[in-house]
Protein backbone atom coordinates (compact mmCIF):
# COMPACT_ATOMS: atom_id res chain seq x y z
CA UNK A 1 0.00 0.00 0.00
CA UNK A 2 1.37 3.39 -0.92
CA UNK A 3 1.43 6.27 1.56
CA UNK A 4 -0.30 8.88 -0.59
CA UNK A 5 -3.67 8.81 1.21
CA UNK A 6 -3.87 10.18 4.74
CA UNK A 7 -6.67 7.74 5.63
CA UNK A 8 -4.30 4.78 5.02
CA UNK A 9 -1.61 6.07 7.42
CA UNK A 10 -2.32 5.41 11.11
CA UNK A 11 -0.41 6.40 14.26
CA UNK A 12 1.43 3.30 15.47
CA UNK A 13 1.72 1.76 12.00
CA UNK A 14 5.06 0.51 10.69
CA UNK A 15 6.01 2.39 7.52
CA UNK A 16 8.92 2.99 5.17
CA UNK A 17 9.65 6.69 4.66
CA UNK A 18 12.06 8.70 2.55
CA UNK A 19 13.86 11.34 4.60
CA UNK A 20 14.62 14.79 3.13
CA UNK A 21 18.35 14.03 3.18
CA UNK A 22 17.78 10.75 1.28
CA UNK A 23 15.54 12.10 -1.49
CA UNK A 24 18.37 12.03 -4.07
CA UNK A 25 19.41 8.45 -3.25
CA UNK A 26 15.92 7.08 -2.60
CA UNK A 27 17.04 5.27 0.57
CA UNK A 28 14.07 4.19 2.68
CA UNK A 29 13.97 4.26 6.48
CA UNK A 30 11.60 2.00 8.41
CA UNK A 31 9.90 3.18 11.57
CA UNK A 32 6.71 3.56 13.58
CA UNK A 33 4.43 6.56 12.99
CA UNK A 34 4.27 8.87 16.02
CA UNK A 35 2.50 11.85 14.36
CA UNK A 36 0.91 12.61 10.99
CA UNK A 37 2.11 16.03 9.82
CA UNK A 38 0.30 16.42 6.47
CA UNK A 39 -3.12 18.08 6.85
CA UNK A 40 -4.52 17.35 3.37
CA UNK A 41 -6.28 14.07 2.58
CA UNK A 42 -3.70 13.06 -0.03
CA UNK A 43 -0.27 14.07 -1.31
CA UNK A 44 1.46 12.88 -4.52
CA UNK A 45 4.89 12.52 -2.84
CA UNK A 46 3.54 10.74 0.25
CA UNK A 47 2.05 11.77 3.58
CA UNK A 48 4.61 13.49 5.83
CA UNK A 49 4.98 11.83 9.23
CA UNK A 50 7.17 11.98 12.30
CA UNK A 51 8.55 8.61 13.35
CA UNK A 52 8.83 7.45 16.97
CA UNK A 53 12.57 8.27 16.92
CA UNK A 54 11.89 11.88 15.85
CA UNK A 55 12.84 11.61 12.17
CA UNK A 56 10.50 13.25 9.64
CA UNK A 57 9.85 11.89 6.16
CA UNK A 58 7.24 11.08 3.55
CA UNK A 59 5.58 7.65 3.59
CA UNK A 60 6.51 5.55 0.55
CA UNK A 61 5.16 2.22 1.77
CA UNK A 62 2.99 0.90 4.59
CA UNK A 63 4.49 -2.34 5.95
CA UNK A 64 2.15 -5.25 6.69
PDB file of N, CA and C in Angstrom:
ATOM      1  N   UNK A   1       0.846  -1.183   0.000  1.00  0.00           N
ATOM      2  CA  UNK A   1       0.000   0.000   0.000  1.00  0.00           C
ATOM      3  C   UNK A   1       0.890   1.245   0.000  1.00  0.00           C
ATOM      4  N   UNK A   2       0.570   2.163  -0.861  1.00  0.00           N
ATOM      5  CA  UNK A   2       1.369   3.390  -0.918  1.00  0.00           C
ATOM      6  C   UNK A   2       0.918   4.339   0.190  1.00  0.00           C
ATOM      7  N   UNK A   3       1.729   5.340   0.486  1.00  0.00           N
ATOM      8  CA  UNK A   3       1.433   6.273   1.561  1.00  0.00           C
ATOM      9  C   UNK A   3       0.919   7.606   1.079  1.00  0.00           C
ATOM     10  N   UNK A   4       0.176   7.621  -0.036  1.00  0.00           N
ATOM     11  CA  UNK A   4      -0.296   8.884  -0.592  1.00  0.00           C
ATOM     12  C   UNK A   4      -1.620   9.354   0.000  1.00  0.00           C
ATOM     13  N   UNK A   5      -2.378   8.451   0.623  1.00  0.00           N
ATOM     14  CA  UNK A   5      -3.666   8.813   1.211  1.00  0.00           C
ATOM     15  C   UNK A   5      -3.541   8.866   2.726  1.00  0.00           C
ATOM     16  N   UNK A   6      -3.978   9.985   3.297  1.00  0.00           N
ATOM     17  CA  UNK A   6      -3.870  10.184   4.744  1.00  0.00           C
ATOM     18  C   UNK A   6      -4.677   9.143   5.514  1.00  0.00           C
ATOM     19  N   UNK A   7      -5.804   8.711   4.942  1.00  0.00           N
ATOM     20  CA  UNK A   7      -6.667   7.743   5.627  1.00  0.00           C
ATOM     21  C   UNK A   7      -5.997   6.374   5.782  1.00  0.00           C
ATOM     22  N   UNK A   8      -5.006   6.068   4.946  1.00  0.00           N
ATOM     23  CA  UNK A   8      -4.295   4.783   5.023  1.00  0.00           C
ATOM     24  C   UNK A   8      -3.215   4.773   6.098  1.00  0.00           C
ATOM     25  N   UNK A   9      -2.725   5.956   6.471  1.00  0.00           N
ATOM     26  CA  UNK A   9      -1.610   6.070   7.419  1.00  0.00           C
ATOM     27  C   UNK A   9      -2.177   6.251   8.822  1.00  0.00           C
ATOM     28  N   UNK A  10      -1.816   5.362   9.737  1.00  0.00           N
ATOM     29  CA  UNK A  10      -2.320   5.411  11.112  1.00  0.00           C
ATOM     30  C   UNK A  10      -1.163   5.572  12.088  1.00  0.00           C
ATOM     31  N   UNK A  11      -1.399   6.284  13.186  1.00  0.00           N
ATOM     32  CA  UNK A  11      -0.409   6.397  14.256  1.00  0.00           C
ATOM     33  C   UNK A  11      -0.176   5.001  14.827  1.00  0.00           C
ATOM     34  N   UNK A  12       1.084   4.624  14.971  1.00  0.00           N
ATOM     35  CA  UNK A  12       1.431   3.296  15.472  1.00  0.00           C
ATOM     36  C   UNK A  12       1.728   2.296  14.377  1.00  0.00           C
ATOM     37  N   UNK A  13       1.456   2.660  13.121  1.00  0.00           N
ATOM     38  CA  UNK A  13       1.718   1.760  12.000  1.00  0.00           C
ATOM     39  C   UNK A  13       3.208   1.746  11.657  1.00  0.00           C
ATOM     40  N   UNK A  14       3.681   0.610  11.160  1.00  0.00           N
ATOM     41  CA  UNK A  14       5.061   0.510  10.689  1.00  0.00           C
ATOM     42  C   UNK A  14       5.074   0.911   9.213  1.00  0.00           C
ATOM     43  N   UNK A  15       5.951   1.857   8.880  1.00  0.00           N
ATOM     44  CA  UNK A  15       6.008   2.390   7.518  1.00  0.00           C
ATOM     45  C   UNK A  15       7.457   2.515   7.055  1.00  0.00           C
ATOM     46  N   UNK A  16       7.618   2.653   5.750  1.00  0.00           N
ATOM     47  CA  UNK A  16       8.923   2.992   5.172  1.00  0.00           C
ATOM     48  C   UNK A  16       8.795   4.397   4.618  1.00  0.00           C
ATOM     49  N   UNK A  17       9.687   5.291   5.074  1.00  0.00           N
ATOM     50  CA  UNK A  17       9.647   6.691   4.658  1.00  0.00           C
ATOM     51  C   UNK A  17      10.937   7.057   3.946  1.00  0.00           C
ATOM     52  N   UNK A  18      10.860   8.125   3.159  1.00  0.00           N
ATOM     53  CA  UNK A  18      12.061   8.696   2.555  1.00  0.00           C
ATOM     54  C   UNK A  18      12.317  10.016   3.271  1.00  0.00           C
ATOM     55  N   UNK A  19      13.475  10.127   3.878  1.00  0.00           N
ATOM     56  CA  UNK A  19      13.859  11.342   4.601  1.00  0.00           C
ATOM     57  C   UNK A  19      14.300  12.404   3.612  1.00  0.00           C
ATOM     58  N   UNK A  20      14.218  13.670   3.991  1.00  0.00           N
ATOM     59  CA  UNK A  20      14.617  14.790   3.126  1.00  0.00           C
ATOM     60  C   UNK A  20      16.062  14.614   2.642  1.00  0.00           C
ATOM     61  N   UNK A  21      16.940  14.198   3.530  1.00  0.00           N
ATOM     62  CA  UNK A  21      18.354  14.029   3.177  1.00  0.00           C
ATOM     63  C   UNK A  21      18.571  12.876   2.194  1.00  0.00           C
ATOM     64  N   UNK A  22      17.635  11.930   2.141  1.00  0.00           N
ATOM     65  CA  UNK A  22      17.783  10.747   1.283  1.00  0.00           C
ATOM     66  C   UNK A  22      16.969  10.832  -0.005  1.00  0.00           C
ATOM     67  N   UNK A  23      16.393  11.995  -0.303  1.00  0.00           N
ATOM     68  CA  UNK A  23      15.543  12.101  -1.494  1.00  0.00           C
ATOM     69  C   UNK A  23      16.315  11.836  -2.780  1.00  0.00           C
ATOM     70  N   UNK A  24      17.572  12.246  -2.856  1.00  0.00           N
ATOM     71  CA  UNK A  24      18.373  12.026  -4.065  1.00  0.00           C
ATOM     72  C   UNK A  24      18.715  10.554  -4.259  1.00  0.00           C
ATOM     73  N   UNK A  25      19.009   9.858  -3.165  1.00  0.00           N
ATOM     74  CA  UNK A  25      19.407   8.454  -3.253  1.00  0.00           C
ATOM     75  C   UNK A  25      18.211   7.514  -3.266  1.00  0.00           C
ATOM     76  N   UNK A  26      17.103   7.927  -2.659  1.00  0.00           N
ATOM     77  CA  UNK A  26      15.921   7.082  -2.601  1.00  0.00           C
ATOM     78  C   UNK A  26      15.972   6.051  -1.485  1.00  0.00           C
ATOM     79  N   UNK A  27      16.899   6.212  -0.550  1.00  0.00           N
ATOM     80  CA  UNK A  27      17.041   5.275   0.574  1.00  0.00           C
ATOM     81  C   UNK A  27      15.825   5.380   1.487  1.00  0.00           C
ATOM     82  N   UNK A  28      15.239   4.220   1.818  1.00  0.00           N
ATOM     83  CA  UNK A  28      14.066   4.187   2.682  1.00  0.00           C
ATOM     84  C   UNK A  28      14.466   3.874   4.115  1.00  0.00           C
ATOM     85  N   UNK A  29      13.744   4.477   5.059  1.00  0.00           N
ATOM     86  CA  UNK A  29      13.967   4.260   6.482  1.00  0.00           C
ATOM     87  C   UNK A  29      12.682   3.703   7.073  1.00  0.00           C
ATOM     88  N   UNK A  30      12.788   2.609   7.805  1.00  0.00           N
ATOM     89  CA  UNK A  30      11.605   1.999   8.408  1.00  0.00           C
ATOM     90  C   UNK A  30      11.432   2.500   9.826  1.00  0.00           C
ATOM     91  N   UNK A  31      10.174   2.722  10.224  1.00  0.00           N
ATOM     92  CA  UNK A  31       9.900   3.181  11.573  1.00  0.00           C
ATOM     93  C   UNK A  31       8.425   3.131  11.897  1.00  0.00           C
ATOM     94  N   UNK A  32       8.093   3.552  13.104  1.00  0.00           N
ATOM     95  CA  UNK A  32       6.708   3.556  13.579  1.00  0.00           C
ATOM     96  C   UNK A  32       6.207   4.994  13.617  1.00  0.00           C
ATOM     97  N   UNK A  33       5.014   5.220  13.065  1.00  0.00           N
ATOM     98  CA  UNK A  33       4.431   6.565  12.985  1.00  0.00           C
ATOM     99  C   UNK A  33       4.062   7.064  14.381  1.00  0.00           C
ATOM    100  N   UNK A  34       4.615   8.222  14.755  1.00  0.00           N
ATOM    101  CA  UNK A  34       4.269   8.870  16.022  1.00  0.00           C
ATOM    102  C   UNK A  34       3.237   9.978  15.791  1.00  0.00           C
ATOM    103  N   UNK A  35       3.411  10.746  14.697  1.00  0.00           N
ATOM    104  CA  UNK A  35       2.496  11.852  14.360  1.00  0.00           C
ATOM    105  C   UNK A  35       2.342  11.936  12.856  1.00  0.00           C
ATOM    106  N   UNK A  36       1.157  12.333  12.413  1.00  0.00           N
ATOM    107  CA  UNK A  36       0.910  12.607  10.995  1.00  0.00           C
ATOM    108  C   UNK A  36       0.973  14.116  10.828  1.00  0.00           C
ATOM    109  N   UNK A  37       1.875  14.589   9.957  1.00  0.00           N
ATOM    110  CA  UNK A  37       2.107  16.029   9.823  1.00  0.00           C
ATOM    111  C   UNK A  37       1.343  16.658   8.655  1.00  0.00           C
ATOM    112  N   UNK A  38       1.026  15.888   7.620  1.00  0.00           N
ATOM    113  CA  UNK A  38       0.296  16.418   6.466  1.00  0.00           C
ATOM    114  C   UNK A  38      -1.172  16.602   6.828  1.00  0.00           C
ATOM    115  N   UNK A  39      -1.713  17.783   6.527  1.00  0.00           N
ATOM    116  CA  UNK A  39      -3.115  18.080   6.851  1.00  0.00           C
ATOM    117  C   UNK A  39      -4.076  17.656   5.745  1.00  0.00           C
ATOM    118  N   UNK A  40      -3.633  17.682   4.479  1.00  0.00           N
ATOM    119  CA  UNK A  40      -4.524  17.353   3.371  1.00  0.00           C
ATOM    120  C   UNK A  40      -4.796  15.852   3.311  1.00  0.00           C
ATOM    121  N   UNK A  41      -5.865  15.474   2.623  1.00  0.00           N
ATOM    122  CA  UNK A  41      -6.280  14.065   2.575  1.00  0.00           C
ATOM    123  C   UNK A  41      -5.365  13.195   1.721  1.00  0.00           C
ATOM    124  N   UNK A  42      -4.650  13.822   0.778  1.00  0.00           N
ATOM    125  CA  UNK A  42      -3.699  13.056  -0.029  1.00  0.00           C
ATOM    126  C   UNK A  42      -2.556  13.968  -0.473  1.00  0.00           C
ATOM    127  N   UNK A  43      -1.436  13.329  -0.835  1.00  0.00           N
ATOM    128  CA  UNK A  43      -0.275  14.073  -1.309  1.00  0.00           C
ATOM    129  C   UNK A  43       0.474  13.188  -2.298  1.00  0.00           C
ATOM    130  N   UNK A  44       0.822  13.709  -3.487  1.00  0.00           N
ATOM    131  CA  UNK A  44       1.457  12.875  -4.518  1.00  0.00           C
ATOM    132  C   UNK A  44       2.832  12.316  -4.144  1.00  0.00           C
ATOM    133  N   UNK A  45       3.551  12.989  -3.236  1.00  0.00           N
ATOM    134  CA  UNK A  45       4.890  12.517  -2.839  1.00  0.00           C
ATOM    135  C   UNK A  45       4.856  11.678  -1.572  1.00  0.00           C
ATOM    136  N   UNK A  46       3.675  11.513  -0.977  1.00  0.00           N
ATOM    137  CA  UNK A  46       3.536  10.742   0.250  1.00  0.00           C
ATOM    138  C   UNK A  46       3.179  11.626   1.428  1.00  0.00           C
ATOM    139  N   UNK A  47       2.460  11.045   2.381  1.00  0.00           N
ATOM    140  CA  UNK A  47       2.048  11.771   3.577  1.00  0.00           C
ATOM    141  C   UNK A  47       3.266  11.976   4.477  1.00  0.00           C
ATOM    142  N   UNK A  48       3.460  13.197   4.965  1.00  0.00           N
ATOM    143  CA  UNK A  48       4.607  13.495   5.832  1.00  0.00           C
ATOM    144  C   UNK A  48       4.271  13.088   7.260  1.00  0.00           C
ATOM    145  N   UNK A  49       5.181  12.319   7.862  1.00  0.00           N
ATOM    146  CA  UNK A  49       4.979  11.828   9.225  1.00  0.00           C
ATOM    147  C   UNK A  49       6.236  12.031  10.051  1.00  0.00           C
ATOM    148  N   UNK A  50       6.048  12.018  11.379  1.00  0.00           N
ATOM    149  CA  UNK A  50       7.171  11.978  12.303  1.00  0.00           C
ATOM    150  C   UNK A  50       7.209  10.570  12.880  1.00  0.00           C
ATOM    151  N   UNK A  51       8.380   9.951  12.812  1.00  0.00           N
ATOM    152  CA  UNK A  51       8.548   8.613  13.353  1.00  0.00           C
ATOM    153  C   UNK A  51       8.775   8.678  14.857  1.00  0.00           C
ATOM    154  N   UNK A  52       8.671   7.537  15.515  1.00  0.00           N
ATOM    155  CA  UNK A  52       8.829   7.454  16.975  1.00  0.00           C
ATOM    156  C   UNK A  52      10.202   7.949  17.425  1.00  0.00           C
ATOM    157  N   UNK A  53      11.222   7.820  16.557  1.00  0.00           N
ATOM    158  CA  UNK A  53      12.570   8.269  16.924  1.00  0.00           C
ATOM    159  C   UNK A  53      12.817   9.741  16.590  1.00  0.00           C
ATOM    160  N   UNK A  54      11.783  10.449  16.105  1.00  0.00           N
ATOM    161  CA  UNK A  54      11.890  11.883  15.853  1.00  0.00           C
ATOM    162  C   UNK A  54      12.217  12.269  14.427  1.00  0.00           C
ATOM    163  N   UNK A  55      12.529  11.300  13.572  1.00  0.00           N
ATOM    164  CA  UNK A  55      12.839  11.612  12.172  1.00  0.00           C
ATOM    165  C   UNK A  55      11.555  11.934  11.417  1.00  0.00           C
ATOM    166  N   UNK A  56      11.655  12.834  10.436  1.00  0.00           N
ATOM    167  CA  UNK A  56      10.503  13.252   9.636  1.00  0.00           C
ATOM    168  C   UNK A  56      10.745  12.869   8.186  1.00  0.00           C
ATOM    169  N   UNK A  57       9.731  12.270   7.569  1.00  0.00           N
ATOM    170  CA  UNK A  57       9.853  11.895   6.163  1.00  0.00           C
ATOM    171  C   UNK A  57       8.484  11.641   5.558  1.00  0.00           C
ATOM    172  N   UNK A  58       8.493  11.350   4.267  1.00  0.00           N
ATOM    173  CA  UNK A  58       7.243  11.079   3.549  1.00  0.00           C
ATOM    174  C   UNK A  58       7.083   9.572   3.347  1.00  0.00           C
ATOM    175  N   UNK A  59       5.866   9.081   3.648  1.00  0.00           N
ATOM    176  CA  UNK A  59       5.575   7.650   3.587  1.00  0.00           C
ATOM    177  C   UNK A  59       5.617   7.177   2.130  1.00  0.00           C
ATOM    178  N   UNK A  60       6.434   6.160   1.871  1.00  0.00           N
ATOM    179  CA  UNK A  60       6.513   5.553   0.552  1.00  0.00           C
ATOM    180  C   UNK A  60       5.789   4.205   0.533  1.00  0.00           C
ATOM    181  N   UNK A  61       5.738   3.550   1.694  1.00  0.00           N
ATOM    182  CA  UNK A  61       5.159   2.221   1.769  1.00  0.00           C
ATOM    183  C   UNK A  61       4.674   1.963   3.191  1.00  0.00           C
ATOM    184  N   UNK A  62       3.495   1.316   3.292  1.00  0.00           N
ATOM    185  CA  UNK A  62       2.986   0.896   4.594  1.00  0.00           C
ATOM    186  C   UNK A  62       3.285  -0.589   4.722  1.00  0.00           C
ATOM    187  N   UNK A  63       4.027  -0.958   5.766  1.00  0.00           N
ATOM    188  CA  UNK A  63       4.491  -2.335   5.947  1.00  0.00           C
ATOM    189  C   UNK A  63       3.400  -3.153   6.642  1.00  0.00           C
ATOM    190  N   UNK A  64       3.124  -4.337   6.069  1.00  0.00           N
ATOM    191  CA  UNK A  64       2.153  -5.250   6.686  1.00  0.00           C
ATOM    192  C   UNK A  64       0.816  -4.658   6.749  1.00  0.00           C
TER     193      UNK A  64
END
